Amino acid sequence: MATIFSKIAAGEIPSYKVAETEDFYAFLDINPVAKGHTLVIPRKVETDYIFALDDATYSGLCAFARKVAVAIGRAIPCKRVGVAVLGMEVPHTHIHLIPLNSEADMDFRKPKLELGKDEFEQIANAIAAEYEKLQ
């Protein structure tokens, strides 16, 4: 059964895409803990645990996430981009990339930001433009 993330990557559910390849997809989290909070997923594998991925998918996902993180860092003012892999809320492997100015910015328990469609689009476009420069 396809997960919500599989449907997003397939274009069946709208998202604020920041980058994609044939094998991976990156999009803004709609319940972000920080502006630019991005999710990175494999397109073809729907396991819910990152360490259950085969070696090629795991390595490819990490390399793709690194490029997306570089793009986020260039597009969003921050000290660095943090990485989290929780995998508890959606049964599809995903990496959280979060712009950080302090360790407190990585707190998933804090209230989520409420952004409008225009702001989401502006952020996604800024990250996507930086990602394209890395190609």
N, C-alpha and C. Protein backbone atom coordinates (compact mmCIF):
# COMPACT_ATOMS: atom_id res chain seq x y z
N MET A 1 0.84 -1.19 0.00
CA MET A 1 0.00 0.00 0.00
C MET A 1 0.89 1.25 0.00
N ALA A 2 0.57 2.17 -0.85
CA ALA A 2 1.36 3.40 -0.97
C ALA A 2 1.15 4.30 0.25
N THR A 3 2.25 4.88 0.71
CA THR A 3 2.18 5.82 1.82
C THR A 3 1.85 7.21 1.30
N ILE A 4 1.53 8.10 2.21
CA ILE A 4 1.28 9.50 1.82
C ILE A 4 2.52 10.08 1.14
N PHE A 5 3.72 9.69 1.58
CA PHE A 5 4.93 10.22 0.97
C PHE A 5 5.11 9.68 -0.45
N SER A 6 4.75 8.42 -0.68
CA SER A 6 4.82 7.87 -2.04
C SER A 6 3.87 8.62 -2.96
N LYS A 7 2.70 8.94 -2.44
CA LYS A 7 1.72 9.69 -3.24
C LYS A 7 2.20 11.11 -3.52
N ILE A 8 2.89 11.71 -2.56
CA ILE A 8 3.46 13.05 -2.77
C ILE A 8 4.53 12.98 -3.86
N ALA A 9 5.44 12.01 -3.76
CA ALA A 9 6.52 11.89 -4.75
C ALA A 9 5.99 11.59 -6.14
N ALA A 10 4.85 10.90 -6.21
CA ALA A 10 4.24 10.56 -7.51
C ALA A 10 3.40 11.71 -8.07
N GLY A 11 3.23 12.78 -7.29
CA GLY A 11 2.44 13.92 -7.74
C GLY A 11 0.94 13.76 -7.53
N GLU A 12 0.56 12.71 -6.81
CA GLU A 12 -0.87 12.48 -6.53
C GLU A 12 -1.39 13.40 -5.44
N ILE A 13 -0.50 13.86 -4.59
CA ILE A 13 -0.83 14.81 -3.52
C ILE A 13 0.12 15.99 -3.71
N PRO A 14 -0.41 17.22 -3.69
CA PRO A 14 0.47 18.38 -3.90
C PRO A 14 1.51 18.54 -2.79
N SER A 15 2.65 19.09 -3.18
CA SER A 15 3.72 19.37 -2.20
C SER A 15 4.50 20.57 -2.67
N TYR A 16 5.33 21.06 -1.78
CA TYR A 16 6.23 22.16 -2.11
C TYR A 16 7.60 21.54 -2.39
N LYS A 17 7.78 21.07 -3.62
CA LYS A 17 9.00 20.36 -4.03
C LYS A 17 10.19 21.30 -4.03
N VAL A 18 11.31 20.80 -3.51
CA VAL A 18 12.55 21.56 -3.56
C VAL A 18 13.60 20.88 -4.44
N ALA A 19 13.51 19.56 -4.61
CA ALA A 19 14.47 18.84 -5.44
C ALA A 19 13.94 17.44 -5.72
N GLU A 20 14.41 16.87 -6.83
CA GLU A 20 14.05 15.49 -7.12
C GLU A 20 15.03 14.88 -8.11
N THR A 21 15.12 13.57 -8.02
CA THR A 21 15.82 12.77 -9.01
C THR A 21 14.88 11.61 -9.32
N GLU A 22 15.33 10.71 -10.15
CA GLU A 22 14.51 9.54 -10.45
C GLU A 22 14.27 8.70 -9.19
N ASP A 23 15.23 8.71 -8.28
CA ASP A 23 15.16 7.84 -7.11
C ASP A 23 14.77 8.51 -5.80
N PHE A 24 14.88 9.86 -5.73
CA PHE A 24 14.65 10.56 -4.47
C PHE A 24 13.84 11.83 -4.68
N TYR A 25 13.21 12.29 -3.60
CA TYR A 25 12.34 13.45 -3.67
C TYR A 25 12.48 14.24 -2.38
N ALA A 26 12.54 15.57 -2.50
CA ALA A 26 12.65 16.45 -1.32
C ALA A 26 11.56 17.51 -1.41
N PHE A 27 10.88 17.74 -0.29
CA PHE A 27 9.77 18.68 -0.24
C PHE A 27 9.66 19.29 1.14
N LEU A 28 9.06 20.48 1.21
CA LEU A 28 8.91 21.15 2.50
C LEU A 28 7.93 20.41 3.39
N ASP A 29 8.26 20.32 4.67
CA ASP A 29 7.35 19.78 5.68
C ASP A 29 6.23 20.80 5.86
N ILE A 30 4.98 20.37 5.79
CA ILE A 30 3.86 21.31 5.93
C ILE A 30 3.58 21.66 7.39
N ASN A 31 4.27 20.99 8.30
CA ASN A 31 4.20 21.32 9.73
C ASN A 31 5.63 21.57 10.22
N PRO A 32 6.25 22.63 9.72
CA PRO A 32 7.68 22.81 9.99
C PRO A 32 7.99 23.30 11.40
N VAL A 33 9.16 22.89 11.88
CA VAL A 33 9.66 23.43 13.14
C VAL A 33 10.52 24.66 12.89
N ALA A 34 10.90 24.88 11.61
CA ALA A 34 11.67 26.06 11.21
C ALA A 34 11.40 26.31 9.72
N LYS A 35 11.54 27.55 9.29
CA LYS A 35 11.39 27.85 7.87
C LYS A 35 12.46 27.11 7.09
N GLY A 36 12.02 26.38 6.06
CA GLY A 36 12.94 25.59 5.26
C GLY A 36 13.03 24.14 5.67
N HIS A 37 12.29 23.74 6.71
CA HIS A 37 12.25 22.35 7.17
C HIS A 37 11.82 21.47 5.99
N THR A 38 12.70 20.59 5.57
CA THR A 38 12.51 19.79 4.37
C THR A 38 12.56 18.31 4.70
N LEU A 39 11.76 17.53 3.99
CA LEU A 39 11.76 16.07 4.11
C LEU A 39 12.37 15.49 2.84
N VAL A 40 13.21 14.48 3.01
CA VAL A 40 13.87 13.82 1.90
C VAL A 40 13.51 12.34 1.97
N ILE A 41 13.01 11.80 0.84
CA ILE A 41 12.53 10.42 0.83
C ILE A 41 13.05 9.65 -0.39
N PRO A 42 13.14 8.33 -0.25
CA PRO A 42 13.37 7.50 -1.44
C PRO A 42 12.04 7.32 -2.17
N ARG A 43 12.07 7.31 -3.48
CA ARG A 43 10.84 7.15 -4.27
C ARG A 43 10.41 5.69 -4.38
N LYS A 44 11.37 4.78 -4.48
CA LYS A 44 11.06 3.40 -4.88
C LYS A 44 11.00 2.40 -3.73
N VAL A 45 11.41 2.82 -2.55
CA VAL A 45 11.44 1.91 -1.41
C VAL A 45 10.56 2.49 -0.30
N GLU A 46 9.64 1.69 0.21
CA GLU A 46 8.69 2.19 1.20
C GLU A 46 8.89 1.62 2.60
N THR A 47 10.08 1.18 2.92
CA THR A 47 10.32 0.71 4.27
C THR A 47 10.21 1.87 5.25
N ASP A 48 9.80 1.58 6.47
CA ASP A 48 9.63 2.66 7.45
C ASP A 48 10.85 2.85 8.34
N TYR A 49 11.96 2.17 8.03
CA TYR A 49 13.14 2.25 8.88
C TYR A 49 14.37 2.46 8.01
N ILE A 50 15.07 3.55 8.20
CA ILE A 50 16.18 3.91 7.32
C ILE A 50 17.25 2.83 7.27
N PHE A 51 17.48 2.12 8.36
CA PHE A 51 18.53 1.12 8.37
C PHE A 51 18.08 -0.21 7.78
N ALA A 52 16.83 -0.26 7.31
CA ALA A 52 16.35 -1.43 6.56
C ALA A 52 16.53 -1.24 5.05
N LEU A 53 16.97 -0.04 4.65
CA LEU A 53 17.21 0.23 3.22
C LEU A 53 18.40 -0.60 2.73
N ASP A 54 18.36 -0.97 1.47
CA ASP A 54 19.53 -1.63 0.88
C ASP A 54 20.66 -0.60 0.79
N ASP A 55 21.88 -1.09 0.64
CA ASP A 55 23.05 -0.20 0.67
C ASP A 55 23.00 0.90 -0.39
N ALA A 56 22.59 0.56 -1.60
CA ALA A 56 22.58 1.56 -2.68
C ALA A 56 21.55 2.65 -2.40
N THR A 57 20.38 2.26 -1.92
CA THR A 57 19.34 3.26 -1.62
C THR A 57 19.76 4.13 -0.45
N TYR A 58 20.31 3.52 0.58
CA TYR A 58 20.77 4.27 1.75
C TYR A 58 21.84 5.29 1.35
N SER A 59 22.84 4.84 0.63
CA SER A 59 23.92 5.74 0.21
C SER A 59 23.40 6.84 -0.70
N GLY A 60 22.54 6.48 -1.63
CA GLY A 60 21.97 7.46 -2.55
C GLY A 60 21.12 8.49 -1.82
N LEU A 61 20.32 8.03 -0.86
CA LEU A 61 19.48 8.93 -0.08
C LEU A 61 20.34 9.93 0.70
N CYS A 62 21.39 9.44 1.31
CA CYS A 62 22.27 10.32 2.09
C CYS A 62 22.98 11.33 1.19
N ALA A 63 23.44 10.90 0.02
CA ALA A 63 24.11 11.81 -0.90
C ALA A 63 23.14 12.88 -1.42
N PHE A 64 21.92 12.46 -1.73
CA PHE A 64 20.89 13.40 -2.19
C PHE A 64 20.56 14.39 -1.07
N ALA A 65 20.38 13.88 0.15
CA ALA A 65 20.05 14.74 1.30
C ALA A 65 21.16 15.75 1.54
N ARG A 66 22.41 15.36 1.34
CA ARG A 66 23.52 16.29 1.52
C ARG A 66 23.41 17.46 0.55
N LYS A 67 23.12 17.17 -0.72
CA LYS A 67 22.98 18.25 -1.71
C LYS A 67 21.81 19.16 -1.35
N VAL A 68 20.72 18.57 -0.92
CA VAL A 68 19.56 19.38 -0.52
C VAL A 68 19.92 20.24 0.68
N ALA A 69 20.66 19.68 1.63
CA ALA A 69 21.07 20.44 2.82
C ALA A 69 21.96 21.62 2.43
N VAL A 70 22.86 21.42 1.49
CA VAL A 70 23.70 22.53 1.02
C VAL A 70 22.82 23.61 0.42
N ALA A 71 21.84 23.21 -0.39
CA ALA A 71 20.93 24.19 -1.00
C ALA A 71 20.13 24.93 0.06
N ILE A 72 19.66 24.22 1.08
CA ILE A 72 18.91 24.87 2.16
C ILE A 72 19.80 25.90 2.85
N GLY A 73 21.03 25.52 3.15
CA GLY A 73 21.96 26.42 3.82
C GLY A 73 22.25 27.69 3.02
N ARG A 74 22.21 27.58 1.72
CA ARG A 74 22.43 28.75 0.86
C ARG A 74 21.18 29.61 0.73
N ALA A 75 20.01 28.99 0.84
CA ALA A 75 18.75 29.70 0.63
C ALA A 75 18.15 30.29 1.90
N ILE A 76 18.41 29.65 3.04
CA ILE A 76 17.79 30.05 4.31
C ILE A 76 18.89 30.52 5.27
N PRO A 77 18.79 31.74 5.78
CA PRO A 77 19.80 32.19 6.73
C PRO A 77 19.81 31.29 7.98
N CYS A 78 20.93 30.61 8.21
CA CYS A 78 21.05 29.73 9.37
C CYS A 78 22.53 29.44 9.62
N LYS A 79 22.82 28.95 10.83
CA LYS A 79 24.20 28.61 11.17
C LYS A 79 24.60 27.27 10.56
N ARG A 80 23.64 26.35 10.47
CA ARG A 80 23.86 25.06 9.82
C ARG A 80 22.53 24.39 9.59
N VAL A 81 22.57 23.28 8.87
CA VAL A 81 21.35 22.51 8.63
C VAL A 81 21.47 21.22 9.43
N GLY A 82 20.50 21.01 10.31
CA GLY A 82 20.49 19.81 11.14
C GLY A 82 19.80 18.66 10.43
N VAL A 83 20.13 17.45 10.88
CA VAL A 83 19.57 16.23 10.30
C VAL A 83 18.92 15.42 11.41
N ALA A 84 17.71 14.93 11.12
CA ALA A 84 17.04 14.04 12.07
C ALA A 84 16.34 12.94 11.29
N VAL A 85 16.42 11.74 11.82
CA VAL A 85 15.70 10.61 11.25
C VAL A 85 14.91 9.99 12.39
N LEU A 86 13.62 10.22 12.38
CA LEU A 86 12.76 9.71 13.44
C LEU A 86 11.94 8.54 12.94
N GLY A 87 11.21 8.76 11.87
CA GLY A 87 10.47 7.70 11.22
C GLY A 87 9.29 7.17 11.99
N MET A 88 8.76 7.91 12.91
CA MET A 88 7.66 7.40 13.72
C MET A 88 6.29 7.84 13.20
N GLU A 89 6.24 8.98 12.52
CA GLU A 89 4.94 9.55 12.16
C GLU A 89 4.40 9.08 10.82
N VAL A 90 5.25 8.71 9.87
CA VAL A 90 4.83 8.21 8.56
C VAL A 90 5.66 6.96 8.27
N PRO A 91 5.02 5.85 7.90
CA PRO A 91 5.76 4.61 7.69
C PRO A 91 6.49 4.57 6.34
N HIS A 92 7.33 5.58 6.11
CA HIS A 92 8.13 5.67 4.89
C HIS A 92 9.42 6.37 5.30
N THR A 93 10.55 5.75 5.04
CA THR A 93 11.83 6.36 5.42
C THR A 93 11.89 7.80 4.97
N HIS A 94 12.26 8.68 5.88
CA HIS A 94 12.43 10.09 5.53
C HIS A 94 13.44 10.74 6.46
N ILE A 95 14.15 11.70 5.88
CA ILE A 95 15.15 12.47 6.60
C ILE A 95 14.63 13.89 6.74
N HIS A 96 14.68 14.42 7.95
CA HIS A 96 14.33 15.82 8.20
C HIS A 96 15.60 16.65 8.06
N LEU A 97 15.55 17.70 7.26
CA LEU A 97 16.64 18.67 7.16
C LEU A 97 16.09 19.99 7.68
N ILE A 98 16.70 20.51 8.74
CA ILE A 98 16.14 21.67 9.42
C ILE A 98 17.19 22.76 9.58
N PRO A 99 16.92 23.96 9.03
CA PRO A 99 17.83 25.08 9.25
C PRO A 99 17.91 25.39 10.76
N LEU A 100 19.13 25.53 11.27
CA LEU A 100 19.33 25.75 12.70
C LEU A 100 20.12 27.01 12.97
N ASN A 101 19.68 27.71 13.99
CA ASN A 101 20.49 28.80 14.56
C ASN A 101 20.87 28.48 16.00
N SER A 102 20.18 27.47 16.57
CA SER A 102 20.52 26.96 17.90
C SER A 102 20.01 25.53 17.98
N GLU A 103 20.46 24.78 18.97
CA GLU A 103 20.01 23.40 19.13
C GLU A 103 18.51 23.34 19.41
N ALA A 104 17.95 24.37 20.01
CA ALA A 104 16.51 24.40 20.32
C ALA A 104 15.67 24.36 19.06
N ASP A 105 16.23 24.76 17.92
CA ASP A 105 15.47 24.74 16.67
C ASP A 105 15.13 23.33 16.22
N MET A 106 15.78 22.32 16.79
CA MET A 106 15.54 20.92 16.41
C MET A 106 14.50 20.24 17.29
N ASP A 107 13.82 20.99 18.13
CA ASP A 107 12.85 20.43 19.07
C ASP A 107 11.51 20.18 18.37
N PHE A 108 11.19 18.92 18.15
CA PHE A 108 9.96 18.55 17.45
C PHE A 108 8.71 18.70 18.33
N ARG A 109 8.91 18.95 19.62
CA ARG A 109 7.77 19.10 20.53
C ARG A 109 7.23 20.52 20.56
N LYS A 110 8.02 21.46 20.08
CA LYS A 110 7.58 22.86 20.12
C LYS A 110 6.47 23.09 19.09
N PRO A 111 5.68 24.15 19.25
CA PRO A 111 4.61 24.43 18.28
C PRO A 111 5.17 24.60 16.87
N LYS A 112 4.47 24.05 15.91
CA LYS A 112 4.90 24.15 14.51
C LYS A 112 4.59 25.54 13.97
N LEU A 113 5.38 25.95 12.99
CA LEU A 113 5.13 27.24 12.34
C LEU A 113 3.89 27.14 11.47
N GLU A 114 3.18 28.24 11.37
CA GLU A 114 2.03 28.30 10.48
C GLU A 114 2.40 29.27 9.35
N LEU A 115 2.65 28.71 8.18
CA LEU A 115 3.05 29.51 7.03
C LEU A 115 1.94 29.48 5.99
N GLY A 116 1.82 30.54 5.24
CA GLY A 116 0.85 30.60 4.16
C GLY A 116 1.41 29.98 2.89
N LYS A 117 0.52 29.73 1.95
CA LYS A 117 0.89 29.13 0.67
C LYS A 117 1.98 29.93 -0.03
N ASP A 118 1.86 31.25 -0.05
CA ASP A 118 2.86 32.09 -0.72
C ASP A 118 4.23 31.94 -0.07
N GLU A 119 4.27 31.88 1.25
CA GLU A 119 5.54 31.75 1.95
C GLU A 119 6.16 30.38 1.69
N PHE A 120 5.34 29.33 1.73
CA PHE A 120 5.85 27.99 1.40
C PHE A 120 6.44 27.99 -0.01
N GLU A 121 5.72 28.57 -0.96
CA GLU A 121 6.20 28.59 -2.35
C GLU A 121 7.50 29.37 -2.48
N GLN A 122 7.59 30.50 -1.79
CA GLN A 122 8.80 31.31 -1.84
C GLN A 122 9.99 30.53 -1.29
N ILE A 123 9.81 29.86 -0.17
CA ILE A 123 10.89 29.07 0.44
C ILE A 123 11.29 27.91 -0.48
N ALA A 124 10.29 27.18 -0.98
CA ALA A 124 10.57 26.05 -1.87
C ALA A 124 11.32 26.51 -3.11
N ASN A 125 10.89 27.61 -3.70
CA ASN A 125 11.55 28.13 -4.91
C ASN A 125 12.99 28.55 -4.63
N ALA A 126 13.22 29.16 -3.47
CA ALA A 126 14.58 29.60 -3.12
C ALA A 126 15.51 28.39 -2.96
N ILE A 127 15.03 27.36 -2.28
CA ILE A 127 15.86 26.16 -2.09
C ILE A 127 16.07 25.46 -3.43
N ALA A 128 15.00 25.34 -4.22
CA ALA A 128 15.10 24.68 -5.53
C ALA A 128 16.11 25.40 -6.43
N ALA A 129 16.12 26.72 -6.40
CA ALA A 129 17.06 27.48 -7.22
C ALA A 129 18.51 27.19 -6.80
N GLU A 130 18.73 27.11 -5.50
CA GLU A 130 20.09 26.80 -5.01
C GLU A 130 20.47 25.36 -5.34
N TYR A 131 19.51 24.45 -5.26
CA TYR A 131 19.77 23.04 -5.62
C TYR A 131 20.19 22.94 -7.09
N GLU A 132 19.48 23.65 -7.94
CA GLU A 132 19.79 23.62 -9.38
C GLU A 132 21.20 24.10 -9.66
N LYS A 133 21.69 25.06 -8.89
CA LYS A 133 23.05 25.56 -9.07
C LYS A 133 24.10 24.49 -8.74
N LEU A 134 23.71 23.49 -7.95
CA LEU A 134 24.63 22.42 -7.55
C LEU A 134 24.72 21.32 -8.59
N GLN A 135 23.84 21.35 -9.56
CA GLN A 135 23.82 20.28 -10.58
C GLN A 135 24.88 20.46 -11.64
